Amino acid sequence: MGTIRQDLTDLLKERALDAKEISRILSIREKEVSAHLEHIARSTTAEGNQLKINPCQCLACGYIFKDRQRFSRPGKCPKCRHTRISRATYQIKQRS
């Protein structure tokens, strides 16, 4: 076992996970996950890898939050105002 960020990096290299799955696996609060992901996004770029983000999507109208910069989950859809939004998933990929 390493630090939380090392463990999180190892998990994301294996498979794509959302913030809730990450918090359950690492036994940390879901709100802490976004802070760790911000740091990992910067550090993986320096290592020649990339944090791939499969963005959130509104389950009511299909709007995709592709330009969202924050790692936290949005409260509601800007298009239809519904709150049924899927979670973003994250995975570390090697740059090609």
PDB file of N, CA and C in Angstrom:
ATOM      1  N   MET A   1       0.830  -1.180   0.000  1.00  0.00           N
ATOM      2  CA  MET A   1       0.000   0.000   0.000  1.00  0.00           C
ATOM      3  C   MET A   1       0.877   1.247   0.000  1.00  0.00           C
ATOM      4  N   GLY A   2       0.569   2.145  -0.942  1.00  0.00           N
ATOM      5  CA  GLY A   2       1.272   3.415  -0.993  1.00  0.00           C
ATOM      6  C   GLY A   2       0.380   4.516  -0.442  1.00  0.00           C
ATOM      7  N   THR A   3       0.631   5.718  -0.923  1.00  0.00           N
ATOM      8  CA  THR A   3      -0.230   6.820  -0.524  1.00  0.00           C
ATOM      9  C   THR A   3      -1.567   6.693  -1.254  1.00  0.00           C
ATOM     10  N   ILE A   4      -2.525   7.511  -0.865  1.00  0.00           N
ATOM     11  CA  ILE A   4      -3.845   7.466  -1.519  1.00  0.00           C
ATOM     12  C   ILE A   4      -3.705   7.768  -3.002  1.00  0.00           C
ATOM     13  N   ARG A   5      -2.891   8.766  -3.346  1.00  0.00           N
ATOM     14  CA  ARG A   5      -2.732   9.136  -4.765  1.00  0.00           C
ATOM     15  C   ARG A   5      -2.024   8.041  -5.555  1.00  0.00           C
ATOM     16  N   GLN A   6      -1.051   7.387  -4.946  1.00  0.00           N
ATOM     17  CA  GLN A   6      -0.380   6.278  -5.640  1.00  0.00           C
ATOM     18  C   GLN A   6      -1.352   5.134  -5.867  1.00  0.00           C
ATOM     19  N   ASP A   7      -2.132   4.806  -4.847  1.00  0.00           N
ATOM     20  CA  ASP A   7      -3.126   3.742  -4.990  1.00  0.00           C
ATOM     21  C   ASP A   7      -4.175   4.104  -6.036  1.00  0.00           C
ATOM     22  N   LEU A   8      -4.604   5.364  -6.037  1.00  0.00           N
ATOM     23  CA  LEU A   8      -5.594   5.824  -7.006  1.00  0.00           C
ATOM     24  C   LEU A   8      -5.035   5.771  -8.420  1.00  0.00           C
ATOM     25  N   THR A   9      -3.783   6.168  -8.589  1.00  0.00           N
ATOM     26  CA  THR A   9      -3.138   6.103  -9.907  1.00  0.00           C
ATOM     27  C   THR A   9      -3.071   4.663 -10.397  1.00  0.00           C
ATOM     28  N   ASP A  10      -2.702   3.745  -9.527  1.00  0.00           N
ATOM     29  CA  ASP A  10      -2.630   2.336  -9.902  1.00  0.00           C
ATOM     30  C   ASP A  10      -4.009   1.797 -10.303  1.00  0.00           C
ATOM     31  N   LEU A  11      -5.039   2.184  -9.559  1.00  0.00           N
ATOM     32  CA  LEU A  11      -6.404   1.749  -9.892  1.00  0.00           C
ATOM     33  C   LEU A  11      -6.839   2.259 -11.256  1.00  0.00           C
ATOM     34  N   LEU A  12      -6.559   3.538 -11.525  1.00  0.00           N
ATOM     35  CA  LEU A  12      -7.005   4.148 -12.778  1.00  0.00           C
ATOM     36  C   LEU A  12      -6.208   3.652 -13.985  1.00  0.00           C
ATOM     37  N   LYS A  13      -5.027   3.122 -13.760  1.00  0.00           N
ATOM     38  CA  LYS A  13      -4.265   2.513 -14.860  1.00  0.00           C
ATOM     39  C   LYS A  13      -4.868   1.166 -15.242  1.00  0.00           C
ATOM     40  N   GLU A  14      -5.539   0.503 -14.286  1.00  0.00           N
ATOM     41  CA  GLU A  14      -6.143  -0.804 -14.532  1.00  0.00           C
ATOM     42  C   GLU A  14      -7.486  -0.709 -15.243  1.00  0.00           C
ATOM     43  N   ARG A  15      -8.352   0.229 -14.771  1.00  0.00           N
ATOM     44  CA  ARG A  15      -9.702   0.319 -15.345  1.00  0.00           C
ATOM     45  C   ARG A  15     -10.319   1.679 -15.051  1.00  0.00           C
ATOM     46  N   ALA A  16     -11.398   1.987 -15.766  1.00  0.00           N
ATOM     47  CA  ALA A  16     -12.130   3.241 -15.576  1.00  0.00           C
ATOM     48  C   ALA A  16     -13.043   3.120 -14.361  1.00  0.00           C
ATOM     49  N   LEU A  17     -13.036   4.164 -13.533  1.00  0.00           N
ATOM     50  CA  LEU A  17     -13.851   4.188 -12.322  1.00  0.00           C
ATOM     51  C   LEU A  17     -14.496   5.556 -12.162  1.00  0.00           C
ATOM     52  N   ASP A  18     -15.656   5.598 -11.489  1.00  0.00           N
ATOM     53  CA  ASP A  18     -16.248   6.890 -11.155  1.00  0.00           C
ATOM     54  C   ASP A  18     -15.866   7.252  -9.721  1.00  0.00           C
ATOM     55  N   ALA A  19     -16.189   8.472  -9.311  1.00  0.00           N
ATOM     56  CA  ALA A  19     -15.771   8.968  -7.995  1.00  0.00           C
ATOM     57  C   ALA A  19     -16.346   8.138  -6.851  1.00  0.00           C
ATOM     58  N   LYS A  20     -17.564   7.661  -6.990  1.00  0.00           N
ATOM     59  CA  LYS A  20     -18.175   6.865  -5.927  1.00  0.00           C
ATOM     60  C   LYS A  20     -17.457   5.528  -5.767  1.00  0.00           C
ATOM     61  N   GLU A  21     -17.106   4.897  -6.879  1.00  0.00           N
ATOM     62  CA  GLU A  21     -16.364   3.624  -6.813  1.00  0.00           C
ATOM     63  C   GLU A  21     -14.984   3.835  -6.192  1.00  0.00           C
ATOM     64  N   ILE A  22     -14.337   4.935  -6.573  1.00  0.00           N
ATOM     65  CA  ILE A  22     -13.011   5.239  -6.034  1.00  0.00           C
ATOM     66  C   ILE A  22     -13.093   5.442  -4.522  1.00  0.00           C
ATOM     67  N   SER A  23     -14.093   6.201  -4.076  1.00  0.00           N
ATOM     68  CA  SER A  23     -14.217   6.462  -2.633  1.00  0.00           C
ATOM     69  C   SER A  23     -14.485   5.186  -1.855  1.00  0.00           C
ATOM     70  N   ARG A  24     -15.254   4.281  -2.435  1.00  0.00           N
ATOM     71  CA  ARG A  24     -15.554   3.012  -1.767  1.00  0.00           C
ATOM     72  C   ARG A  24     -14.305   2.132  -1.690  1.00  0.00           C
ATOM     73  N   ILE A  25     -13.555   2.039  -2.784  1.00  0.00           N
ATOM     74  CA  ILE A  25     -12.369   1.176  -2.827  1.00  0.00           C
ATOM     75  C   ILE A  25     -11.270   1.690  -1.891  1.00  0.00           C
ATOM     76  N   LEU A  26     -11.041   3.014  -1.900  1.00  0.00           N
ATOM     77  CA  LEU A  26      -9.956   3.586  -1.109  1.00  0.00           C
ATOM     78  C   LEU A  26     -10.373   4.026   0.291  1.00  0.00           C
ATOM     79  N   SER A  27     -11.660   3.878   0.595  1.00  0.00           N
ATOM     80  CA  SER A  27     -12.197   4.256   1.914  1.00  0.00           C
ATOM     81  C   SER A  27     -11.944   5.728   2.245  1.00  0.00           C
ATOM     82  N   ILE A  28     -12.233   6.588   1.284  1.00  0.00           N
ATOM     83  CA  ILE A  28     -12.161   8.031   1.501  1.00  0.00           C
ATOM     84  C   ILE A  28     -13.499   8.637   1.100  1.00  0.00           C
ATOM     85  N   ARG A  29     -13.739   9.879   1.536  1.00  0.00           N
ATOM     86  CA  ARG A  29     -14.984  10.542   1.176  1.00  0.00           C
ATOM     87  C   ARG A  29     -15.000  10.877  -0.311  1.00  0.00           C
ATOM     88  N   GLU A  30     -16.184  10.868  -0.892  1.00  0.00           N
ATOM     89  CA  GLU A  30     -16.328  11.153  -2.319  1.00  0.00           C
ATOM     90  C   GLU A  30     -15.857  12.569  -2.660  1.00  0.00           C
ATOM     91  N   LYS A  31     -16.026  13.506  -1.739  1.00  0.00           N
ATOM     92  CA  LYS A  31     -15.577  14.881  -1.974  1.00  0.00           C
ATOM     93  C   LYS A  31     -14.061  14.988  -2.043  1.00  0.00           C
ATOM     94  N   GLU A  32     -13.347  14.097  -1.366  1.00  0.00           N
ATOM     95  CA  GLU A  32     -11.886  14.104  -1.398  1.00  0.00           C
ATOM     96  C   GLU A  32     -11.352  13.615  -2.740  1.00  0.00           C
ATOM     97  N   VAL A  33     -12.122  12.799  -3.414  1.00  0.00           N
ATOM     98  CA  VAL A  33     -11.684  12.198  -4.673  1.00  0.00           C
ATOM     99  C   VAL A  33     -11.384  13.270  -5.716  1.00  0.00           C
ATOM    100  N   SER A  34     -12.219  14.307  -5.816  1.00  0.00           N
ATOM    101  CA  SER A  34     -12.011  15.335  -6.836  1.00  0.00           C
ATOM    102  C   SER A  34     -10.687  16.073  -6.630  1.00  0.00           C
ATOM    103  N   ALA A  35     -10.311  16.338  -5.379  1.00  0.00           N
ATOM    104  CA  ALA A  35      -9.028  17.000  -5.113  1.00  0.00           C
ATOM    105  C   ALA A  35      -7.864  16.114  -5.543  1.00  0.00           C
ATOM    106  N   HIS A  36      -7.962  14.826  -5.258  1.00  0.00           N
ATOM    107  CA  HIS A  36      -6.907  13.897  -5.682  1.00  0.00           C
ATOM    108  C   HIS A  36      -6.852  13.794  -7.206  1.00  0.00           C
ATOM    109  N   LEU A  37      -7.999  13.791  -7.869  1.00  0.00           N
ATOM    110  CA  LEU A  37      -8.023  13.698  -9.333  1.00  0.00           C
ATOM    111  C   LEU A  37      -7.393  14.923  -9.992  1.00  0.00           C
ATOM    112  N   GLU A  38      -7.607  16.105  -9.411  1.00  0.00           N
ATOM    113  CA  GLU A  38      -6.983  17.315  -9.958  1.00  0.00           C
ATOM    114  C   GLU A  38      -5.467  17.197  -9.922  1.00  0.00           C
ATOM    115  N   HIS A  39      -4.939  16.708  -8.824  1.00  0.00           N
ATOM    116  CA  HIS A  39      -3.495  16.550  -8.692  1.00  0.00           C
ATOM    117  C   HIS A  39      -2.977  15.465  -9.633  1.00  0.00           C
ATOM    118  N   ILE A  40      -3.690  14.367  -9.717  1.00  0.00           N
ATOM    119  CA  ILE A  40      -3.280  13.260 -10.587  1.00  0.00           C
ATOM    120  C   ILE A  40      -3.297  13.679 -12.054  1.00  0.00           C
ATOM    121  N   ALA A  41      -4.253  14.518 -12.448  1.00  0.00           N
ATOM    122  CA  ALA A  41      -4.313  15.005 -13.828  1.00  0.00           C
ATOM    123  C   ALA A  41      -3.039  15.763 -14.183  1.00  0.00           C
ATOM    124  N   ARG A  42      -2.531  16.569 -13.254  1.00  0.00           N
ATOM    125  CA  ARG A  42      -1.290  17.316 -13.503  1.00  0.00           C
ATOM    126  C   ARG A  42      -0.073  16.405 -13.503  1.00  0.00           C
ATOM    127  N   SER A  43      -0.013  15.497 -12.541  1.00  0.00           N
ATOM    128  CA  SER A  43       1.179  14.656 -12.417  1.00  0.00           C
ATOM    129  C   SER A  43       1.270  13.605 -13.528  1.00  0.00           C
ATOM    130  N   THR A  44       0.137  13.095 -13.995  1.00  0.00           N
ATOM    131  CA  THR A  44       0.195  12.101 -15.071  1.00  0.00           C
ATOM    132  C   THR A  44       0.652  12.730 -16.379  1.00  0.00           C
ATOM    133  N   THR A  45       0.316  14.008 -16.589  1.00  0.00           N
ATOM    134  CA  THR A  45       0.769  14.703 -17.786  1.00  0.00           C
ATOM    135  C   THR A  45       2.280  14.833 -17.771  1.00  0.00           C
ATOM    136  N   ALA A  46       2.855  15.123 -16.621  1.00  0.00           N
ATOM    137  CA  ALA A  46       4.307  15.243 -16.498  1.00  0.00           C
ATOM    138  C   ALA A  46       5.001  13.905 -16.735  1.00  0.00           C
ATOM    139  N   GLU A  47       4.313  12.803 -16.438  1.00  0.00           N
ATOM    140  CA  GLU A  47       4.880  11.471 -16.632  1.00  0.00           C
ATOM    141  C   GLU A  47       4.684  10.944 -18.046  1.00  0.00           C
ATOM    142  N   GLY A  48       3.988  11.701 -18.886  1.00  0.00           N
ATOM    143  CA  GLY A  48       3.751  11.266 -20.255  1.00  0.00           C
ATOM    144  C   GLY A  48       2.466  10.476 -20.422  1.00  0.00           C
ATOM    145  N   ASN A  49       1.634  10.436 -19.414  1.00  0.00           N
ATOM    146  CA  ASN A  49       0.337   9.765 -19.500  1.00  0.00           C
ATOM    147  C   ASN A  49      -0.763  10.819 -19.560  1.00  0.00           C
ATOM    148  N   GLN A  50      -2.004  10.367 -19.645  1.00  0.00           N
ATOM    149  CA  GLN A  50      -3.120  11.296 -19.691  1.00  0.00           C
ATOM    150  C   GLN A  50      -4.298  10.727 -18.913  1.00  0.00           C
ATOM    151  N   LEU A  51      -4.956  11.589 -18.142  1.00  0.00           N
ATOM    152  CA  LEU A  51      -6.157  11.194 -17.425  1.00  0.00           C
ATOM    153  C   LEU A  51      -7.332  11.386 -18.374  1.00  0.00           C
ATOM    154  N   LYS A  52      -7.902  10.282 -18.840  1.00  0.00           N
ATOM    155  CA  LYS A  52      -9.051  10.322 -19.742  1.00  0.00           C
ATOM    156  C   LYS A  52     -10.321  10.437 -18.917  1.00  0.00           C
ATOM    157  N   ILE A  53     -11.202  11.339 -19.334  1.00  0.00           N
ATOM    158  CA  ILE A  53     -12.451  11.561 -18.625  1.00  0.00           C
ATOM    159  C   ILE A  53     -13.613  11.258 -19.560  1.00  0.00           C
ATOM    160  N   ASN A  54     -14.444  10.306 -19.160  1.00  0.00           N
ATOM    161  CA  ASN A  54     -15.693  10.039 -19.866  1.00  0.00           C
ATOM    162  C   ASN A  54     -16.723  10.910 -19.150  1.00  0.00           C
ATOM    163  N   PRO A  55     -17.174  12.023 -19.779  1.00  0.00           N
ATOM    164  CA  PRO A  55     -17.941  13.045 -19.054  1.00  0.00           C
ATOM    165  C   PRO A  55     -19.319  12.595 -18.580  1.00  0.00           C
ATOM    166  N   CYS A  56     -19.850  13.391 -17.643  1.00  0.00           N
ATOM    167  CA  CYS A  56     -21.209  13.185 -17.141  1.00  0.00           C
ATOM    168  C   CYS A  56     -22.199  13.411 -18.274  1.00  0.00           C
ATOM    169  N   GLN A  57     -23.373  12.797 -18.121  1.00  0.00           N
ATOM    170  CA  GLN A  57     -24.424  12.960 -19.133  1.00  0.00           C
ATOM    171  C   GLN A  57     -25.775  13.045 -18.430  1.00  0.00           C
ATOM    172  N   CYS A  58     -26.632  13.948 -18.927  1.00  0.00           N
ATOM    173  CA  CYS A  58     -27.980  14.075 -18.385  1.00  0.00           C
ATOM    174  C   CYS A  58     -28.787  12.870 -18.841  1.00  0.00           C
ATOM    175  N   LEU A  59     -29.414  12.190 -17.910  1.00  0.00           N
ATOM    176  CA  LEU A  59     -30.193  11.002 -18.238  1.00  0.00           C
ATOM    177  C   LEU A  59     -31.577  11.360 -18.780  1.00  0.00           C
ATOM    178  N   ALA A  60     -31.990  12.625 -18.631  1.00  0.00           N
ATOM    179  CA  ALA A  60     -33.303  13.049 -19.116  1.00  0.00           C
ATOM    180  C   ALA A  60     -33.253  13.480 -20.581  1.00  0.00           C
ATOM    181  N   CYS A  61     -32.272  14.337 -20.935  1.00  0.00           N
ATOM    182  CA  CYS A  61     -32.247  14.873 -22.309  1.00  0.00           C
ATOM    183  C   CYS A  61     -31.030  14.430 -23.116  1.00  0.00           C
ATOM    184  N   GLY A  62     -30.027  13.821 -22.467  1.00  0.00           N
ATOM    185  CA  GLY A  62     -28.853  13.338 -23.185  1.00  0.00           C
ATOM    186  C   GLY A  62     -27.719  14.343 -23.296  1.00  0.00           C
ATOM    187  N   TYR A  63     -27.855  15.515 -22.693  1.00  0.00           N
ATOM    188  CA  TYR A  63     -26.802  16.536 -22.739  1.00  0.00           C
ATOM    189  C   TYR A  63     -25.513  15.960 -22.149  1.00  0.00           C
ATOM    190  N   ILE A  64     -24.384  16.170 -22.839  1.00  0.00           N
ATOM    191  CA  ILE A  64     -23.079  15.682 -22.389  1.00  0.00           C
ATOM    192  C   ILE A  64     -22.253  16.865 -21.899  1.00  0.00           C
ATOM    193  N   PHE A  65     -21.720  16.757 -20.710  1.00  0.00           N
ATOM    194  CA  PHE A  65     -20.925  17.809 -20.092  1.00  0.00           C
ATOM    195  C   PHE A  65     -19.478  17.721 -20.563  1.00  0.00           C
ATOM    196  N   LYS A  66     -19.232  17.807 -21.863  1.00  0.00           N
ATOM    197  CA  LYS A  66     -17.899  17.573 -22.422  1.00  0.00           C
ATOM    198  C   LYS A  66     -16.905  18.691 -22.129  1.00  0.00           C
ATOM    199  N   ASP A  67     -17.371  19.911 -21.875  1.00  0.00           N
ATOM    200  CA  ASP A  67     -16.459  21.026 -21.618  1.00  0.00           C
ATOM    201  C   ASP A  67     -16.267  21.314 -20.131  1.00  0.00           C
ATOM    202  N   ARG A  68     -16.790  20.475 -19.281  1.00  0.00           N
ATOM    203  CA  ARG A  68     -16.706  20.702 -17.834  1.00  0.00           C
ATOM    204  C   ARG A  68     -15.270  20.519 -17.360  1.00  0.00           C
ATOM    205  N   GLN A  69     -14.756  21.506 -16.641  1.00  0.00           N
ATOM    206  CA  GLN A  69     -13.382  21.486 -16.149  1.00  0.00           C
ATOM    207  C   GLN A  69     -13.257  20.910 -14.744  1.00  0.00           C
ATOM    208  N   ARG A  70     -14.322  20.986 -13.954  1.00  0.00           N
ATOM    209  CA  ARG A  70     -14.278  20.498 -12.573  1.00  0.00           C
ATOM    210  C   ARG A  70     -14.503  18.990 -12.515  1.00  0.00           C
ATOM    211  N   PHE A  71     -13.929  18.364 -11.493  1.00  0.00           N
ATOM    212  CA  PHE A  71     -14.061  16.923 -11.330  1.00  0.00           C
ATOM    213  C   PHE A  71     -15.282  16.537 -10.508  1.00  0.00           C
ATOM    214  N   SER A  72     -15.918  17.515  -9.872  1.00  0.00           N
ATOM    215  CA  SER A  72     -17.124  17.224  -9.097  1.00  0.00           C
ATOM    216  C   SER A  72     -18.316  17.030 -10.035  1.00  0.00           C
ATOM    217  N   ARG A  73     -19.328  16.350  -9.530  1.00  0.00           N
ATOM    218  CA  ARG A  73     -20.517  16.061 -10.325  1.00  0.00           C
ATOM    219  C   ARG A  73     -21.411  17.306 -10.387  1.00  0.00           C
ATOM    220  N   PRO A  74     -21.930  17.654 -11.574  1.00  0.00           N
ATOM    221  CA  PRO A  74     -22.811  18.823 -11.678  1.00  0.00           C
ATOM    222  C   PRO A  74     -24.126  18.606 -10.947  1.00  0.00           C
ATOM    223  N   GLY A  75     -24.736  19.694 -10.486  1.00  0.00           N
ATOM    224  CA  GLY A  75     -25.988  19.609  -9.745  1.00  0.00           C
ATOM    225  C   GLY A  75     -27.191  19.364 -10.639  1.00  0.00           C
ATOM    226  N   LYS A  76     -27.238  20.090 -11.767  1.00  0.00           N
ATOM    227  CA  LYS A  76     -28.349  19.903 -12.691  1.00  0.00           C
ATOM    228  C   LYS A  76     -27.920  20.248 -14.110  1.00  0.00           C
ATOM    229  N   CYS A  77     -28.705  19.798 -15.051  1.00  0.00           N
ATOM    230  CA  CYS A  77     -28.428  19.987 -16.473  1.00  0.00           C
ATOM    231  C   CYS A  77     -28.720  21.443 -16.868  1.00  0.00           C
ATOM    232  N   PRO A  78     -27.794  22.087 -17.593  1.00  0.00           N
ATOM    233  CA  PRO A  78     -28.047  23.458 -18.013  1.00  0.00           C
ATOM    234  C   PRO A  78     -29.092  23.550 -19.129  1.00  0.00           C
ATOM    235  N   LYS A  79     -29.349  22.450 -19.792  1.00  0.00           N
ATOM    236  CA  LYS A  79     -30.292  22.445 -20.909  1.00  0.00           C
ATOM    237  C   LYS A  79     -31.732  22.228 -20.439  1.00  0.00           C
ATOM    238  N   CYS A  80     -31.973  21.171 -19.644  1.00  0.00           N
ATOM    239  CA  CYS A  80     -33.347  20.834 -19.247  1.00  0.00           C
ATOM    240  C   CYS A  80     -33.603  21.012 -17.749  1.00  0.00           C
ATOM    241  N   ARG A  81     -32.550  21.313 -16.959  1.00  0.00           N
ATOM    242  CA  ARG A  81     -32.642  21.562 -15.517  1.00  0.00           C
ATOM    243  C   ARG A  81     -32.940  20.323 -14.672  1.00  0.00           C
ATOM    244  N   HIS A  82     -32.916  19.133 -15.253  1.00  0.00           N
ATOM    245  CA  HIS A  82     -33.120  17.912 -14.462  1.00  0.00           C
ATOM    246  C   HIS A  82     -31.863  17.608 -13.647  1.00  0.00           C
ATOM    247  N   THR A  83     -32.037  16.844 -12.602  1.00  0.00           N
ATOM    248  CA  THR A  83     -30.907  16.499 -11.733  1.00  0.00           C
ATOM    249  C   THR A  83     -30.441  15.057 -11.904  1.00  0.00           C
ATOM    250  N   ARG A  84     -31.042  14.324 -12.823  1.00  0.00           N
ATOM    251  CA  ARG A  84     -30.637  12.934 -13.076  1.00  0.00           C
ATOM    252  C   ARG A  84     -29.436  12.936 -14.022  1.00  0.00           C
ATOM    253  N   ILE A  85     -28.251  12.873 -13.434  1.00  0.00           N
ATOM    254  CA  ILE A  85     -27.019  12.988 -14.210  1.00  0.00           C
ATOM    255  C   ILE A  85     -26.116  11.794 -13.896  1.00  0.00           C
ATOM    256  N   SER A  86     -25.612  11.161 -14.955  1.00  0.00           N
ATOM    257  CA  SER A  86     -24.698  10.029 -14.759  1.00  0.00           C
ATOM    258  C   SER A  86     -23.353  10.535 -14.257  1.00  0.00           C
ATOM    259  N   ARG A  87     -22.602   9.667 -13.658  1.00  0.00           N
ATOM    260  CA  ARG A  87     -21.297  10.031 -13.114  1.00  0.00           C
ATOM    261  C   ARG A  87     -20.219   9.939 -14.202  1.00  0.00           C
ATOM    262  N   ALA A  88     -19.240  10.811 -14.109  1.00  0.00           N
ATOM    263  CA  ALA A  88     -18.092  10.746 -15.005  1.00  0.00           C
ATOM    264  C   ALA A  88     -17.196   9.593 -14.572  1.00  0.00           C
ATOM    265  N   THR A  89     -16.515   8.980 -15.528  1.00  0.00           N
ATOM    266  CA  THR A  89     -15.539   7.943 -15.199  1.00  0.00           C
ATOM    267  C   THR A  89     -14.155   8.430 -15.607  1.00  0.00           C
ATOM    268  N   TYR A  90     -13.142   7.930 -14.923  1.00  0.00           N
ATOM    269  CA  TYR A  90     -11.764   8.376 -15.120  1.00  0.00           C
ATOM    270  C   TYR A  90     -10.869   7.166 -15.328  1.00  0.00           C
ATOM    271  N   GLN A  91      -9.870   7.344 -16.216  1.00  0.00           N
ATOM    272  CA  GLN A  91      -8.899   6.279 -16.451  1.00  0.00           C
ATOM    273  C   GLN A  91      -7.612   6.909 -16.956  1.00  0.00           C
ATOM    274  N   ILE A  92      -6.478   6.341 -16.555  1.00  0.00           N
ATOM    275  CA  ILE A  92      -5.188   6.823 -17.010  1.00  0.00           C
ATOM    276  C   ILE A  92      -4.741   6.000 -18.204  1.00  0.00           C
ATOM    277  N   LYS A  93      -4.425   6.700 -19.293  1.00  0.00           N
ATOM    278  CA  LYS A  93      -3.980   6.053 -20.532  1.00  0.00           C
ATOM    279  C   LYS A  93      -2.595   6.574 -20.896  1.00  0.00           C
ATOM    280  N   GLN A  94      -1.834   5.732 -21.572  1.00  0.00           N
ATOM    281  CA  GLN A  94      -0.541   6.142 -22.102  1.00  0.00           C
ATOM    282  C   GLN A  94      -0.763   7.036 -23.319  1.00  0.00           C
ATOM    283  N   ARG A  95      -0.004   8.104 -23.411  1.00  0.00           N
ATOM    284  CA  ARG A  95      -0.102   8.963 -24.596  1.00  0.00           C
ATOM    285  C   ARG A  95       0.531   8.260 -25.768  1.00  0.00           C
ATOM    286  N   SER A  96      -0.108   8.406 -26.910  1.00  0.00           N
ATOM    287  CA  SER A  96       0.464   7.761 -28.098  1.00  0.00           C
ATOM    288  C   SER A  96       1.083   8.765 -29.031  1.00  0.00           C
TER     289      SER A  96
END
